[in-house]
Amino acid sequence: MQRNRVQILDSVAAYARKMELPLLLGRRVRRYFRERRTNALNEAEILLELSPSLRSEVCAFVVSDGLLSGVFLFRRLTSVFWPKLLPLLKPCPVARGA
């Protein structure tokens, strides 16, 4: 099923909120999708659709200051791997601090 543009932009906005991206970085991600034709459906596709530099910036935030900042594995990997590894992850609900 083809998603319409509003649904895609809603998905991107929800992703930015979920990842707790800083306001300006979230805006840049949403602007990127507004300016490009895309059929992003999930978190992995959102990351993979971003330009390489914006994808690296989002991944750096998520690992350094965002939701994955407390995950030892990601902090030990060099940042070159983050944009390649994060799109492969599948979200699963976990209580904060667990």
PDB file of N, CA and C in Angstrom:
ATOM      1  N   MET A   1       0.838  -1.180   0.000  1.00  0.00           N
ATOM      2  CA  MET A   1       0.000   0.000   0.000  1.00  0.00           C
ATOM      3  C   MET A   1       0.883   1.244   0.000  1.00  0.00           C
ATOM      4  N   GLN A   2       0.626   2.151  -0.892  1.00  0.00           N
ATOM      5  CA  GLN A   2       1.364   3.401  -1.005  1.00  0.00           C
ATOM      6  C   GLN A   2       0.908   4.373   0.072  1.00  0.00           C
ATOM      7  N   ARG A   3       1.833   4.923   0.808  1.00  0.00           N
ATOM      8  CA  ARG A   3       1.489   5.898   1.843  1.00  0.00           C
ATOM      9  C   ARG A   3       1.457   7.281   1.220  1.00  0.00           C
ATOM     10  N   ASN A   4       0.515   8.106   1.668  1.00  0.00           N
ATOM     11  CA  ASN A   4       0.473   9.462   1.124  1.00  0.00           C
ATOM     12  C   ASN A   4       1.489  10.338   1.849  1.00  0.00           C
ATOM     13  N   ARG A   5       1.726  11.498   1.292  1.00  0.00           N
ATOM     14  CA  ARG A   5       2.758  12.411   1.785  1.00  0.00           C
ATOM     15  C   ARG A   5       2.519  12.817   3.241  1.00  0.00           C
ATOM     16  N   VAL A   6       1.276  13.065   3.623  1.00  0.00           N
ATOM     17  CA  VAL A   6       0.961  13.464   4.998  1.00  0.00           C
ATOM     18  C   VAL A   6       1.310  12.334   5.966  1.00  0.00           C
ATOM     19  N   GLN A   7       0.981  11.101   5.611  1.00  0.00           N
ATOM     20  CA  GLN A   7       1.306   9.960   6.467  1.00  0.00           C
ATOM     21  C   GLN A   7       2.821   9.810   6.631  1.00  0.00           C
ATOM     22  N   ILE A   8       3.547  10.010   5.549  1.00  0.00           N
ATOM     23  CA  ILE A   8       5.003   9.900   5.603  1.00  0.00           C
ATOM     24  C   ILE A   8       5.576  10.968   6.521  1.00  0.00           C
ATOM     25  N   LEU A   9       5.128  12.211   6.344  1.00  0.00           N
ATOM     26  CA  LEU A   9       5.639  13.294   7.180  1.00  0.00           C
ATOM     27  C   LEU A   9       5.243  13.094   8.638  1.00  0.00           C
ATOM     28  N   ASP A  10       4.062  12.542   8.879  1.00  0.00           N
ATOM     29  CA  ASP A  10       3.649  12.217  10.249  1.00  0.00           C
ATOM     30  C   ASP A  10       4.570  11.151  10.842  1.00  0.00           C
ATOM     31  N   SER A  11       4.934  10.153  10.046  1.00  0.00           N
ATOM     32  CA  SER A  11       5.840   9.103  10.506  1.00  0.00           C
ATOM     33  C   SER A  11       7.219   9.674  10.845  1.00  0.00           C
ATOM     34  N   VAL A  12       7.688  10.579  10.014  1.00  0.00           N
ATOM     35  CA  VAL A  12       8.993  11.202  10.241  1.00  0.00           C
ATOM     36  C   VAL A  12       8.949  12.059  11.514  1.00  0.00           C
ATOM     37  N   ALA A  13       7.878  12.815  11.705  1.00  0.00           N
ATOM     38  CA  ALA A  13       7.740  13.631  12.911  1.00  0.00           C
ATOM     39  C   ALA A  13       7.673  12.748  14.155  1.00  0.00           C
ATOM     40  N   ALA A  14       6.953  11.639  14.069  1.00  0.00           N
ATOM     41  CA  ALA A  14       6.865  10.705  15.200  1.00  0.00           C
ATOM     42  C   ALA A  14       8.239  10.107  15.504  1.00  0.00           C
ATOM     43  N   TYR A  15       8.995   9.788  14.466  1.00  0.00           N
ATOM     44  CA  TYR A  15      10.349   9.267  14.656  1.00  0.00           C
ATOM     45  C   TYR A  15      11.221  10.296  15.379  1.00  0.00           C
ATOM     46  N   ALA A  16      11.170  11.555  14.955  1.00  0.00           N
ATOM     47  CA  ALA A  16      11.974  12.602  15.583  1.00  0.00           C
ATOM     48  C   ALA A  16      11.613  12.755  17.058  1.00  0.00           C
ATOM     49  N   ARG A  17      10.319  12.674  17.377  1.00  0.00           N
ATOM     50  CA  ARG A  17       9.888  12.764  18.782  1.00  0.00           C
ATOM     51  C   ARG A  17      10.357  11.543  19.566  1.00  0.00           C
ATOM     52  N   LYS A  18      10.183  10.363  18.993  1.00  0.00           N
ATOM     53  CA  LYS A  18      10.556   9.125  19.675  1.00  0.00           C
ATOM     54  C   LYS A  18      12.048   9.093  19.984  1.00  0.00           C
ATOM     55  N   MET A  19      12.849   9.548  19.042  1.00  0.00           N
ATOM     56  CA  MET A  19      14.297   9.559  19.230  1.00  0.00           C
ATOM     57  C   MET A  19      14.760  10.774  20.048  1.00  0.00           C
ATOM     58  N   GLU A  20      13.803  11.617  20.425  1.00  0.00           N
ATOM     59  CA  GLU A  20      14.077  12.811  21.225  1.00  0.00           C
ATOM     60  C   GLU A  20      15.156  13.682  20.589  1.00  0.00           C
ATOM     61  N   LEU A  21      15.059  13.841  19.257  1.00  0.00           N
ATOM     62  CA  LEU A  21      16.020  14.676  18.549  1.00  0.00           C
ATOM     63  C   LEU A  21      15.873  16.120  19.005  1.00  0.00           C
ATOM     64  N   PRO A  22      16.965  16.864  19.085  1.00  0.00           N
ATOM     65  CA  PRO A  22      16.855  18.289  19.396  1.00  0.00           C
ATOM     66  C   PRO A  22      15.953  18.963  18.361  1.00  0.00           C
ATOM     67  N   LEU A  23      15.294  20.018  18.757  1.00  0.00           N
ATOM     68  CA  LEU A  23      14.314  20.685  17.908  1.00  0.00           C
ATOM     69  C   LEU A  23      14.863  21.004  16.514  1.00  0.00           C
ATOM     70  N   LEU A  24      16.033  21.607  16.446  1.00  0.00           N
ATOM     71  CA  LEU A  24      16.582  22.000  15.141  1.00  0.00           C
ATOM     72  C   LEU A  24      16.949  20.796  14.284  1.00  0.00           C
ATOM     73  N   LEU A  25      17.496  19.740  14.884  1.00  0.00           N
ATOM     74  CA  LEU A  25      17.833  18.540  14.119  1.00  0.00           C
ATOM     75  C   LEU A  25      16.561  17.860  13.628  1.00  0.00           C
ATOM     76  N   GLY A  26      15.535  17.789  14.474  1.00  0.00           N
ATOM     77  CA  GLY A  26      14.245  17.231  14.054  1.00  0.00           C
ATOM     78  C   GLY A  26      13.645  18.002  12.896  1.00  0.00           C
ATOM     79  N   ARG A  27      13.751  19.310  12.952  1.00  0.00           N
ATOM     80  CA  ARG A  27      13.235  20.140  11.838  1.00  0.00           C
ATOM     81  C   ARG A  27      13.986  19.853  10.552  1.00  0.00           C
ATOM     82  N   ARG A  28      15.311  19.705  10.652  1.00  0.00           N
ATOM     83  CA  ARG A  28      16.096  19.419   9.451  1.00  0.00           C
ATOM     84  C   ARG A  28      15.713  18.083   8.854  1.00  0.00           C
ATOM     85  N   VAL A  29      15.451  17.087   9.705  1.00  0.00           N
ATOM     86  CA  VAL A  29      15.033  15.771   9.213  1.00  0.00           C
ATOM     87  C   VAL A  29      13.675  15.890   8.529  1.00  0.00           C
ATOM     88  N   ARG A  30      12.718  16.574   9.161  1.00  0.00           N
ATOM     89  CA  ARG A  30      11.391  16.734   8.548  1.00  0.00           C
ATOM     90  C   ARG A  30      11.482  17.524   7.245  1.00  0.00           C
ATOM     91  N   ARG A  31      12.299  18.571   7.219  1.00  0.00           N
ATOM     92  CA  ARG A  31      12.463  19.369   5.996  1.00  0.00           C
ATOM     93  C   ARG A  31      13.047  18.508   4.880  1.00  0.00           C
ATOM     94  N   TYR A  32      13.999  17.657   5.222  1.00  0.00           N
ATOM     95  CA  TYR A  32      14.603  16.766   4.229  1.00  0.00           C
ATOM     96  C   TYR A  32      13.531  15.921   3.550  1.00  0.00           C
ATOM     97  N   PHE A  33      12.600  15.378   4.333  1.00  0.00           N
ATOM     98  CA  PHE A  33      11.540  14.540   3.762  1.00  0.00           C
ATOM     99  C   PHE A  33      10.486  15.360   3.027  1.00  0.00           C
ATOM    100  N   ARG A  34      10.239  16.580   3.466  1.00  0.00           N
ATOM    101  CA  ARG A  34       9.286  17.427   2.740  1.00  0.00           C
ATOM    102  C   ARG A  34       9.802  17.758   1.346  1.00  0.00           C
ATOM    103  N   GLU A  35      11.103  17.932   1.219  1.00  0.00           N
ATOM    104  CA  GLU A  35      11.707  18.351  -0.047  1.00  0.00           C
ATOM    105  C   GLU A  35      11.992  17.189  -0.994  1.00  0.00           C
ATOM    106  N   ARG A  36      11.901  15.974  -0.520  1.00  0.00           N
ATOM    107  CA  ARG A  36      12.200  14.812  -1.357  1.00  0.00           C
ATOM    108  C   ARG A  36      10.967  13.932  -1.487  1.00  0.00           C
ATOM    109  N   ARG A  37      10.865  13.272  -2.603  1.00  0.00           N
ATOM    110  CA  ARG A  37       9.799  12.263  -2.769  1.00  0.00           C
ATOM    111  C   ARG A  37      10.303  10.982  -2.146  1.00  0.00           C
ATOM    112  N   THR A  38       9.531  10.432  -1.244  1.00  0.00           N
ATOM    113  CA  THR A  38       9.965   9.224  -0.565  1.00  0.00           C
ATOM    114  C   THR A  38       8.765   8.425  -0.099  1.00  0.00           C
ATOM    115  N   ASN A  39       8.967   7.165   0.152  1.00  0.00           N
ATOM    116  CA  ASN A  39       7.919   6.290   0.662  1.00  0.00           C
ATOM    117  C   ASN A  39       8.346   5.657   1.980  1.00  0.00           C
ATOM    118  N   ALA A  40       9.042   6.404   2.826  1.00  0.00           N
ATOM    119  CA  ALA A  40       9.522   5.868   4.095  1.00  0.00           C
ATOM    120  C   ALA A  40       8.358   5.326   4.920  1.00  0.00           C
ATOM    121  N   LEU A  41       8.561   4.165   5.491  1.00  0.00           N
ATOM    122  CA  LEU A  41       7.506   3.521   6.259  1.00  0.00           C
ATOM    123  C   LEU A  41       7.871   3.289   7.714  1.00  0.00           C
ATOM    124  N   ASN A  42       9.123   3.052   8.004  1.00  0.00           N
ATOM    125  CA  ASN A  42       9.501   2.724   9.369  1.00  0.00           C
ATOM    126  C   ASN A  42      10.809   3.411   9.736  1.00  0.00           C
ATOM    127  N   GLU A  43      11.257   3.187  10.960  1.00  0.00           N
ATOM    128  CA  GLU A  43      12.451   3.866  11.452  1.00  0.00           C
ATOM    129  C   GLU A  43      13.685   3.580  10.605  1.00  0.00           C
ATOM    130  N   ALA A  44      13.875   2.338  10.229  1.00  0.00           N
ATOM    131  CA  ALA A  44      15.039   1.993   9.418  1.00  0.00           C
ATOM    132  C   ALA A  44      14.992   2.711   8.076  1.00  0.00           C
ATOM    133  N   GLU A  45      13.825   2.714   7.455  1.00  0.00           N
ATOM    134  CA  GLU A  45      13.699   3.374   6.146  1.00  0.00           C
ATOM    135  C   GLU A  45      13.878   4.879   6.273  1.00  0.00           C
ATOM    136  N   ILE A  46      13.412   5.457   7.381  1.00  0.00           N
ATOM    137  CA  ILE A  46      13.623   6.890   7.585  1.00  0.00           C
ATOM    138  C   ILE A  46      15.113   7.181   7.635  1.00  0.00           C
ATOM    139  N   LEU A  47      15.859   6.440   8.426  1.00  0.00           N
ATOM    140  CA  LEU A  47      17.311   6.641   8.511  1.00  0.00           C
ATOM    141  C   LEU A  47      17.984   6.434   7.162  1.00  0.00           C
ATOM    142  N   LEU A  48      17.612   5.365   6.463  1.00  0.00           N
ATOM    143  CA  LEU A  48      18.265   5.050   5.194  1.00  0.00           C
ATOM    144  C   LEU A  48      17.940   6.054   4.094  1.00  0.00           C
ATOM    145  N   GLU A  49      16.795   6.729   4.184  1.00  0.00           N
ATOM    146  CA  GLU A  49      16.417   7.721   3.181  1.00  0.00           C
ATOM    147  C   GLU A  49      17.158   9.043   3.358  1.00  0.00           C
ATOM    148  N   LEU A  50      17.680   9.302   4.565  1.00  0.00           N
ATOM    149  CA  LEU A  50      18.387  10.559   4.814  1.00  0.00           C
ATOM    150  C   LEU A  50      19.686  10.613   4.021  1.00  0.00           C
ATOM    151  N   SER A  51      20.149  11.823   3.757  1.00  0.00           N
ATOM    152  CA  SER A  51      21.459  11.968   3.132  1.00  0.00           C
ATOM    153  C   SER A  51      22.499  11.375   4.085  1.00  0.00           C
ATOM    154  N   PRO A  52      23.629  10.918   3.584  1.00  0.00           N
ATOM    155  CA  PRO A  52      24.641  10.325   4.468  1.00  0.00           C
ATOM    156  C   PRO A  52      25.068  11.254   5.606  1.00  0.00           C
ATOM    157  N   SER A  53      25.231  12.534   5.330  1.00  0.00           N
ATOM    158  CA  SER A  53      25.673  13.444   6.387  1.00  0.00           C
ATOM    159  C   SER A  53      24.593  13.649   7.450  1.00  0.00           C
ATOM    160  N   LEU A  54      23.331  13.776   7.040  1.00  0.00           N
ATOM    161  CA  LEU A  54      22.252  13.948   8.001  1.00  0.00           C
ATOM    162  C   LEU A  54      22.028  12.653   8.778  1.00  0.00           C
ATOM    163  N   ARG A  55      22.133  11.504   8.121  1.00  0.00           N
ATOM    164  CA  ARG A  55      22.014  10.212   8.803  1.00  0.00           C
ATOM    165  C   ARG A  55      23.097  10.086   9.880  1.00  0.00           C
ATOM    166  N   SER A  56      24.326  10.466   9.547  1.00  0.00           N
ATOM    167  CA  SER A  56      25.415  10.405  10.518  1.00  0.00           C
ATOM    168  C   SER A  56      25.146  11.317  11.704  1.00  0.00           C
ATOM    169  N   GLU A  57      24.609  12.493  11.435  1.00  0.00           N
ATOM    170  CA  GLU A  57      24.315  13.442  12.508  1.00  0.00           C
ATOM    171  C   GLU A  57      23.218  12.919  13.433  1.00  0.00           C
ATOM    172  N   VAL A  58      22.165  12.355  12.854  1.00  0.00           N
ATOM    173  CA  VAL A  58      21.075  11.789  13.660  1.00  0.00           C
ATOM    174  C   VAL A  58      21.611  10.626  14.495  1.00  0.00           C
ATOM    175  N   CYS A  59      22.377   9.740  13.888  1.00  0.00           N
ATOM    176  CA  CYS A  59      22.928   8.590  14.613  1.00  0.00           C
ATOM    177  C   CYS A  59      23.872   9.046  15.725  1.00  0.00           C
ATOM    178  N   ALA A  60      24.685  10.043  15.439  1.00  0.00           N
ATOM    179  CA  ALA A  60      25.597  10.553  16.468  1.00  0.00           C
ATOM    180  C   ALA A  60      24.821  11.093  17.659  1.00  0.00           C
ATOM    181  N   PHE A  61      23.727  11.807  17.403  1.00  0.00           N
ATOM    182  CA  PHE A  61      22.926  12.308  18.516  1.00  0.00           C
ATOM    183  C   PHE A  61      22.304  11.152  19.293  1.00  0.00           C
ATOM    184  N   VAL A  62      21.680  10.211  18.584  1.00  0.00           N
ATOM    185  CA  VAL A  62      20.973   9.111  19.244  1.00  0.00           C
ATOM    186  C   VAL A  62      21.925   8.306  20.130  1.00  0.00           C
ATOM    187  N   VAL A  63      23.166   8.088  19.666  1.00  0.00           N
ATOM    188  CA  VAL A  63      24.119   7.290  20.435  1.00  0.00           C
ATOM    189  C   VAL A  63      24.820   8.126  21.514  1.00  0.00           C
ATOM    190  N   SER A  64      25.153   9.358  21.221  1.00  0.00           N
ATOM    191  CA  SER A  64      25.910  10.174  22.173  1.00  0.00           C
ATOM    192  C   SER A  64      25.032  10.830  23.233  1.00  0.00           C
ATOM    193  N   ASP A  65      23.884  11.348  22.827  1.00  0.00           N
ATOM    194  CA  ASP A  65      23.054  12.134  23.742  1.00  0.00           C
ATOM    195  C   ASP A  65      21.611  11.665  23.822  1.00  0.00           C
ATOM    196  N   GLY A  66      21.204  10.757  22.957  1.00  0.00           N
ATOM    197  CA  GLY A  66      19.803  10.368  22.860  1.00  0.00           C
ATOM    198  C   GLY A  66      19.488   9.046  23.521  1.00  0.00           C
ATOM    199  N   LEU A  67      18.524   8.352  22.960  1.00  0.00           N
ATOM    200  CA  LEU A  67      17.984   7.134  23.561  1.00  0.00           C
ATOM    201  C   LEU A  67      19.004   6.019  23.762  1.00  0.00           C
ATOM    202  N   LEU A  68      20.038   5.977  22.940  1.00  0.00           N
ATOM    203  CA  LEU A  68      21.020   4.894  23.060  1.00  0.00           C
ATOM    204  C   LEU A  68      22.287   5.317  23.803  1.00  0.00           C
ATOM    205  N   SER A  69      22.259   6.493  24.414  1.00  0.00           N
ATOM    206  CA  SER A  69      23.475   7.003  25.064  1.00  0.00           C
ATOM    207  C   SER A  69      23.937   6.128  26.218  1.00  0.00           C
ATOM    208  N   GLY A  70      23.052   5.390  26.837  1.00  0.00           N
ATOM    209  CA  GLY A  70      23.435   4.525  27.939  1.00  0.00           C
ATOM    210  C   GLY A  70      23.792   3.110  27.534  1.00  0.00           C
ATOM    211  N   VAL A  71      23.786   2.825  26.237  1.00  0.00           N
ATOM    212  CA  VAL A  71      24.072   1.465  25.768  1.00  0.00           C
ATOM    213  C   VAL A  71      25.571   1.346  25.492  1.00  0.00           C
ATOM    214  N   PHE A  72      26.229   0.591  26.341  1.00  0.00           N
ATOM    215  CA  PHE A  72      27.683   0.443  26.294  1.00  0.00           C
ATOM    216  C   PHE A  72      28.180   0.001  24.923  1.00  0.00           C
ATOM    217  N   LEU A  73      27.505  -0.944  24.309  1.00  0.00           N
ATOM    218  CA  LEU A  73      27.926  -1.473  23.003  1.00  0.00           C
ATOM    219  C   LEU A  73      28.108  -0.360  21.979  1.00  0.00           C
ATOM    220  N   PHE A  74      27.127   0.530  21.879  1.00  0.00           N
ATOM    221  CA  PHE A  74      27.192   1.596  20.871  1.00  0.00           C
ATOM    222  C   PHE A  74      28.264   2.616  21.202  1.00  0.00           C
ATOM    223  N   ARG A  75      28.443   2.909  22.473  1.00  0.00           N
ATOM    224  CA  ARG A  75      29.447   3.889  22.879  1.00  0.00           C
ATOM    225  C   ARG A  75      30.861   3.369  22.592  1.00  0.00           C
ATOM    226  N   ARG A  76      31.043   2.055  22.595  1.00  0.00           N
ATOM    227  CA  ARG A  76      32.357   1.464  22.357  1.00  0.00           C
ATOM    228  C   ARG A  76      32.694   1.373  20.866  1.00  0.00           C
ATOM    229  N   LEU A  77      31.675   1.371  20.015  1.00  0.00           N
ATOM    230  CA  LEU A  77      31.910   1.307  18.572  1.00  0.00           C
ATOM    231  C   LEU A  77      32.320   2.675  18.048  1.00  0.00           C
ATOM    232  N   THR A  78      33.135   2.683  17.042  1.00  0.00           N
ATOM    233  CA  THR A  78      33.477   3.938  16.401  1.00  0.00           C
ATOM    234  C   THR A  78      32.250   4.489  15.676  1.00  0.00           C
ATOM    235  N   SER A  79      32.146   5.795  15.595  1.00  0.00           N
ATOM    236  CA  SER A  79      30.961   6.429  15.010  1.00  0.00           C
ATOM    237  C   SER A  79      30.754   6.090  13.543  1.00  0.00           C
ATOM    238  N   VAL A  80      31.754   5.563  12.866  1.00  0.00           N
ATOM    239  CA  VAL A  80      31.619   5.156  11.466  1.00  0.00           C
ATOM    240  C   VAL A  80      30.576   4.045  11.329  1.00  0.00           C
ATOM    241  N   PHE A  81      30.440   3.212  12.365  1.00  0.00           N
ATOM    242  CA  PHE A  81      29.517   2.082  12.307  1.00  0.00           C
ATOM    243  C   PHE A  81      28.077   2.456  12.648  1.00  0.00           C
ATOM    244  N   TRP A  82      27.856   3.542  13.373  1.00  0.00           N
ATOM    245  CA  TRP A  82      26.507   3.894  13.827  1.00  0.00           C
ATOM    246  C   TRP A  82      25.503   4.013  12.684  1.00  0.00           C
ATOM    247  N   PRO A  83      25.806   4.766  11.603  1.00  0.00           N
ATOM    248  CA  PRO A  83      24.823   4.882  10.513  1.00  0.00           C
ATOM    249  C   PRO A  83      24.551   3.562   9.790  1.00  0.00           C
ATOM    250  N   LYS A  84      25.467   2.622   9.899  1.00  0.00           N
ATOM    251  CA  LYS A  84      25.271   1.315   9.262  1.00  0.00           C
ATOM    252  C   LYS A  84      24.500   0.369  10.173  1.00  0.00           C
ATOM    253  N   LEU A  85      24.700   0.495  11.469  1.00  0.00           N
ATOM    254  CA  LEU A  85      24.121  -0.429  12.429  1.00  0.00           C
ATOM    255  C   LEU A  85      22.709  -0.018  12.877  1.00  0.00           C
ATOM    256  N   LEU A  86      22.490   1.255  13.134  1.00  0.00           N
ATOM    257  CA  LEU A  86      21.201   1.688  13.670  1.00  0.00           C
ATOM    258  C   LEU A  86      20.008   1.335  12.780  1.00  0.00           C
ATOM    259  N   PRO A  87      20.100   1.446  11.453  1.00  0.00           N
ATOM    260  CA  PRO A  87      18.938   1.048  10.636  1.00  0.00           C
ATOM    261  C   PRO A  87      18.599  -0.437  10.735  1.00  0.00           C
ATOM    262  N   LEU A  88      19.516  -1.259  11.201  1.00  0.00           N
ATOM    263  CA  LEU A  88      19.266  -2.688  11.329  1.00  0.00           C
ATOM    264  C   LEU A  88      18.513  -3.053  12.605  1.00  0.00           C
ATOM    265  N   LEU A  89      18.468  -2.126  13.553  1.00  0.00           N
ATOM    266  CA  LEU A  89      17.813  -2.394  14.836  1.00  0.00           C
ATOM    267  C   LEU A  89      16.308  -2.427  14.690  1.00  0.00           C
ATOM    268  N   LYS A  90      15.682  -3.270  15.471  1.00  0.00           N
ATOM    269  CA  LYS A  90      14.223  -3.345  15.516  1.00  0.00           C
ATOM    270  C   LYS A  90      13.768  -2.776  16.846  1.00  0.00           C
ATOM    271  N   PRO A  91      12.821  -1.850  16.840  1.00  0.00           N
ATOM    272  CA  PRO A  91      12.371  -1.256  18.105  1.00  0.00           C
ATOM    273  C   PRO A  91      11.625  -2.283  18.966  1.00  0.00           C
ATOM    274  N   CYS A  92      11.846  -2.201  20.261  1.00  0.00           N
ATOM    275  CA  CYS A  92      11.098  -3.015  21.208  1.00  0.00           C
ATOM    276  C   CYS A  92      10.876  -2.174  22.462  1.00  0.00           C
ATOM    277  N   PRO A  93       9.708  -2.280  23.048  1.00  0.00           N
ATOM    278  CA  PRO A  93       9.412  -1.436  24.211  1.00  0.00           C
ATOM    279  C   PRO A  93      10.220  -1.860  25.433  1.00  0.00           C
ATOM    280  N   VAL A  94      10.860  -0.898  26.049  1.00  0.00           N
ATOM    281  CA  VAL A  94      11.635  -1.121  27.268  1.00  0.00           C
ATOM    282  C   VAL A  94      11.424   0.088  28.161  1.00  0.00           C
ATOM    283  N   ALA A  95      11.227  -0.149  29.450  1.00  0.00           N
ATOM    284  CA  ALA A  95      11.045   0.960  30.379  1.00  0.00           C
ATOM    285  C   ALA A  95      12.362   1.716  30.517  1.00  0.00           C
ATOM    286  N   ARG A  96      12.288   3.026  30.561  1.00  0.00           N
ATOM    287  CA  ARG A  96      13.474   3.851  30.732  1.00  0.00           C
ATOM    288  C   ARG A  96      14.162   3.491  32.043  1.00  0.00           C
ATOM    289  N   GLY A  97      15.468   3.372  31.998  1.00  0.00           N
ATOM    290  CA  GLY A  97      16.235   3.040  33.180  1.00  0.00           C
ATOM    291  C   GLY A  97      16.298   1.557  33.469  1.00  0.00           C
ATOM    292  N   ALA A  98      15.680   0.743  32.617  1.00  0.00           N
ATOM    293  CA  ALA A  98      15.672  -0.713  32.850  1.00  0.00           C
ATOM    294  C   ALA A  98      16.932  -1.348  32.326  1.00  0.00           C
TER     295      ALA A  98
END
